[in-house]
Amino acid sequence: MTETAQGLNSPEEALRRGAAHLAELHPGLDARLVERIVFESHATLARGARIKTHLPTLALKFAADRLQALELGDHREEGGPVRVLVESIRNDGISQMAAAYLNALGDGRVEALSAALSPADQVLRTVTDVMAEDGVPLAESYPKPVTDDVARAADVVVTMLIEHPFETVEGQTVEAWDFEDPAGLGTDEVRRIRDRVRKRVQEFLDALEA
């Protein structure tokens, strides 16, 4: 093993530095728990990843979402943004679209995440292309597994072609938004799916104001 692999540039050291930073951001959580979740998140993503170059960065993003959810738990903050978790089979298409539109069109009223039962390696290229066309880029989006901590923190769980894998908590609602899977479809077909997803998201946001 090289000196670089063992030193400051090693994935393990990057994860430890990231864990220390996240522990500072979440002083109410035990630093050992924070580090465990960081390394657990990395191991979870690594199991399905073909390209591992950026895994520490993605793992820290994944861990940050989980830590925020863990800190919030199932506490429902009155007047705060509605927390939405969008779930699908692979988190490489329609769930990415829905979460991106919820965040982009929600004007701060919604905080949305997406996740999968069996995450794909990356977001479908046709999906990233058509979302970029509509001004909602997915450049930093990546498929990730649904976890109990993130699921418990959601006010609304949106399922897409799957069943919610966990028991719901008090005050939580589950909605099924079923759209065609864009995998293997041409760009024009994916655009039509995108437009239907955007329309459904807008209907959801309009209902929040009713």
Protein backbone atom coordinates (compact mmCIF):
# COMPACT_ATOMS: atom_id res chain seq x y z
CA MET A 1 0.00 0.00 0.00
CA THR A 2 1.37 3.42 -0.92
CA GLU A 3 2.06 6.23 1.47
CA THR A 4 -0.65 8.32 -0.21
CA ALA A 5 -3.23 5.59 0.32
CA GLN A 6 -2.34 5.46 4.00
CA GLY A 7 -2.07 9.21 4.52
CA LEU A 8 -4.23 12.28 4.40
CA ASN A 9 -5.59 11.47 0.95
CA SER A 10 -6.83 7.98 1.81
CA PRO A 11 -10.60 7.35 1.69
CA GLU A 12 -10.59 6.31 5.34
CA GLU A 13 -8.92 9.53 6.44
CA ALA A 14 -11.30 11.58 4.30
CA LEU A 15 -14.22 9.84 5.99
CA ARG A 16 -12.77 10.47 9.45
CA ARG A 17 -12.23 14.15 8.71
CA GLY A 18 -15.74 14.39 7.31
CA ALA A 19 -17.16 12.61 10.34
CA ALA A 20 -15.40 15.06 12.66
CA HIS A 21 -16.90 17.98 10.75
CA LEU A 22 -20.39 16.45 10.84
CA ALA A 23 -20.02 15.85 14.57
CA GLU A 24 -19.38 19.58 15.00
CA LEU A 25 -22.54 20.32 13.02
CA HIS A 26 -24.56 17.93 15.20
CA PRO A 27 -23.33 18.52 18.76
CA GLY A 28 -26.41 16.79 20.14
CA LEU A 29 -25.28 13.47 18.67
CA ASP A 30 -22.46 11.34 20.03
CA ALA A 31 -19.33 11.73 17.87
CA ARG A 32 -18.85 7.96 17.81
CA LEU A 33 -22.36 7.51 16.45
CA VAL A 34 -21.66 10.13 13.78
CA GLU A 35 -18.49 8.35 12.69
CA ARG A 36 -20.27 4.98 12.65
CA ILE A 37 -23.01 6.33 10.40
CA VAL A 38 -20.42 7.87 8.07
CA PHE A 39 -18.53 4.60 7.64
CA GLU A 40 -21.77 2.61 7.45
CA SER A 41 -23.03 4.94 4.72
CA HIS A 42 -19.79 4.50 2.80
CA ALA A 43 -19.99 0.70 3.05
CA THR A 44 -23.63 0.73 1.92
CA LEU A 45 -22.91 2.80 -1.18
CA ALA A 46 -19.74 0.83 -1.96
CA ARG A 47 -21.65 -2.44 -2.21
CA GLY A 48 -23.43 -1.35 -5.38
CA ALA A 49 -20.90 1.03 -6.89
CA ARG A 50 -18.90 0.17 -10.00
CA ILE A 51 -16.88 3.40 -9.85
CA LYS A 52 -15.56 4.17 -6.36
CA THR A 53 -13.54 7.35 -7.02
CA HIS A 54 -16.06 9.76 -5.48
CA LEU A 55 -17.53 7.41 -2.90
CA PRO A 56 -16.21 9.23 0.22
CA THR A 57 -17.82 12.49 -0.96
CA LEU A 58 -21.13 10.78 -1.72
CA ALA A 59 -20.98 8.85 1.56
CA LEU A 60 -20.59 12.09 3.51
CA LYS A 61 -23.60 13.59 1.73
CA PHE A 62 -25.60 10.45 2.44
CA ALA A 63 -24.50 10.47 6.08
CA ALA A 64 -25.38 14.17 6.42
CA ASP A 65 -28.95 13.46 5.31
CA ARG A 66 -29.19 10.52 7.71
CA LEU A 67 -27.80 12.54 10.63
CA GLN A 68 -30.21 15.38 10.04
CA ALA A 69 -33.07 12.89 9.92
CA LEU A 70 -31.81 11.16 13.07
CA GLU A 71 -31.61 14.46 14.91
CA LEU A 72 -35.13 15.42 13.83
CA GLY A 73 -36.51 11.94 14.44
CA ASP A 74 -40.28 11.81 14.07
CA HIS A 75 -40.70 15.26 15.62
CA ARG A 76 -43.06 17.35 13.52
CA GLU A 77 -42.08 21.01 13.68
CA GLU A 78 -45.15 23.21 13.25
CA GLY A 79 -44.57 25.87 10.62
CA GLY A 80 -41.43 24.21 9.28
CA PRO A 81 -40.99 22.81 5.77
CA VAL A 82 -42.81 19.62 4.89
CA ARG A 83 -40.29 16.79 4.77
CA VAL A 84 -40.91 14.48 1.83
CA LEU A 85 -39.18 11.21 1.06
CA VAL A 86 -39.65 9.89 -2.48
CA GLU A 87 -39.01 6.16 -2.84
CA SER A 88 -38.59 4.02 -5.94
CA ILE A 89 -37.01 0.75 -7.00
CA ARG A 90 -33.62 2.09 -8.17
CA ASN A 91 -33.67 5.86 -7.48
CA ASP A 92 -32.32 6.53 -10.96
CA GLY A 93 -35.33 8.15 -12.62
CA ILE A 94 -38.80 9.21 -11.53
CA SER A 95 -37.96 9.54 -7.81
CA GLN A 96 -35.02 11.79 -8.68
CA MET A 97 -37.29 13.91 -10.86
CA ALA A 98 -39.96 14.24 -8.17
CA ALA A 99 -37.56 15.16 -5.36
CA ALA A 100 -35.77 17.70 -7.55
CA TYR A 101 -39.03 19.37 -8.57
CA LEU A 102 -40.32 19.41 -4.99
CA ASN A 103 -37.19 21.27 -3.89
CA ALA A 104 -37.04 23.55 -6.93
CA LEU A 105 -40.72 24.54 -7.03
CA GLY A 106 -41.48 24.43 -3.33
CA ASP A 107 -40.04 27.84 -2.44
CA GLY A 108 -38.73 26.53 0.86
CA ARG A 109 -42.04 24.95 1.86
CA VAL A 110 -40.71 21.46 1.18
CA GLU A 111 -37.49 19.58 1.87
CA ALA A 112 -37.37 16.48 -0.32
CA LEU A 113 -35.05 13.50 -0.49
CA SER A 114 -35.21 10.44 -2.69
CA ALA A 115 -34.08 6.87 -2.10
CA ALA A 116 -34.41 3.31 -3.38
CA LEU A 117 -35.04 -0.25 -2.35
CA SER A 118 -32.21 -1.39 -4.65
CA PRO A 119 -30.14 1.63 -5.77
CA ALA A 120 -28.76 1.83 -9.28
CA ASP A 121 -25.16 2.81 -9.95
CA GLN A 122 -26.08 6.24 -11.29
CA VAL A 123 -29.00 8.40 -12.41
CA LEU A 124 -30.17 7.60 -15.94
CA ARG A 125 -28.51 9.83 -18.52
CA THR A 126 -31.79 10.55 -20.29
CA VAL A 127 -33.26 11.70 -16.98
CA THR A 128 -30.38 14.07 -16.22
CA ASP A 129 -30.59 15.44 -19.76
CA VAL A 130 -34.31 16.20 -19.76
CA MET A 131 -34.21 17.67 -16.27
CA ALA A 132 -31.34 19.96 -17.30
CA GLU A 133 -33.46 21.06 -20.27
CA ASP A 134 -36.13 22.19 -17.80
CA GLY A 135 -33.65 24.10 -15.66
CA VAL A 136 -33.58 21.60 -12.80
CA PRO A 137 -30.14 19.95 -12.98
CA LEU A 138 -29.38 16.66 -11.25
CA ALA A 139 -25.60 17.06 -11.42
CA GLU A 140 -25.12 16.31 -7.71
CA SER A 141 -27.84 13.66 -7.44
CA TYR A 142 -27.00 10.00 -6.92
CA PRO A 143 -28.97 6.83 -6.17
CA LYS A 144 -29.00 5.82 -2.51
CA PRO A 145 -30.84 3.31 -0.34
CA VAL A 146 -33.83 4.14 1.81
CA THR A 147 -32.97 3.91 5.51
CA ASP A 148 -35.18 3.73 8.56
CA ASP A 149 -33.79 6.96 10.05
CA VAL A 150 -34.59 9.00 6.93
CA ALA A 151 -37.98 7.32 6.53
CA ARG A 152 -39.02 8.08 10.13
CA ALA A 153 -38.19 11.77 9.71
CA ALA A 154 -40.46 12.26 6.69
CA ASP A 155 -43.84 13.94 7.01
CA VAL A 156 -44.89 12.49 3.67
CA VAL A 157 -43.58 9.36 1.99
CA VAL A 158 -44.16 9.23 -1.75
CA THR A 159 -43.86 5.74 -3.21
CA MET A 160 -43.22 5.18 -6.90
CA LEU A 161 -43.98 1.67 -8.16
CA ILE A 162 -43.07 0.10 -4.78
CA GLU A 163 -44.46 -0.43 -1.29
CA HIS A 164 -43.03 1.59 1.58
CA PRO A 165 -40.59 -0.82 3.31
CA PHE A 166 -41.04 0.46 6.88
CA GLU A 167 -43.91 0.97 9.29
CA THR A 168 -45.27 4.49 9.26
CA VAL A 169 -44.94 6.70 12.32
CA GLU A 170 -47.60 8.87 13.93
CA GLY A 171 -48.55 11.85 11.78
CA GLN A 172 -46.88 10.46 8.66
CA THR A 173 -48.77 9.97 5.40
CA VAL A 174 -47.97 7.78 2.40
CA GLU A 175 -48.94 8.65 -1.17
CA ALA A 176 -48.48 6.54 -4.29
CA TRP A 177 -47.33 8.42 -7.39
CA ASP A 178 -47.01 5.80 -10.08
CA PHE A 179 -45.38 6.77 -13.35
CA GLU A 180 -43.80 4.72 -16.10
CA ASP A 181 -40.20 3.67 -15.44
CA PRO A 182 -37.99 5.74 -17.82
CA ALA A 183 -35.28 3.05 -18.03
CA GLY A 184 -34.75 2.03 -21.64
CA LEU A 185 -37.07 4.70 -23.06
CA GLY A 186 -36.18 7.32 -25.64
CA THR A 187 -35.66 10.99 -24.84
CA ASP A 188 -39.10 12.12 -26.05
CA GLU A 189 -40.82 9.51 -23.87
CA VAL A 190 -38.74 10.52 -20.87
CA ARG A 191 -39.67 14.16 -21.48
CA ARG A 192 -43.34 13.22 -21.32
CA ILE A 193 -42.78 11.39 -18.04
CA ARG A 194 -40.88 14.41 -16.72
CA ASP A 195 -43.76 16.72 -17.56
CA ARG A 196 -46.27 14.43 -15.82
CA VAL A 197 -44.05 14.25 -12.73
CA ARG A 198 -43.74 18.04 -12.66
CA LYS A 199 -47.54 18.39 -12.96
CA ARG A 200 -48.07 15.98 -10.04
CA VAL A 201 -45.52 17.84 -7.92
CA GLN A 202 -47.27 21.14 -8.62
CA GLU A 203 -50.60 19.62 -7.60
CA PHE A 204 -49.00 18.46 -4.34
CA LEU A 205 -47.58 21.92 -3.66
CA ASP A 206 -50.90 23.61 -4.50
CA ALA A 207 -52.66 21.32 -2.02
CA LEU A 208 -50.30 22.53 0.74
CA GLU A 209 -51.76 26.01 0.34
CA ALA A 210 -55.38 24.86 0.35
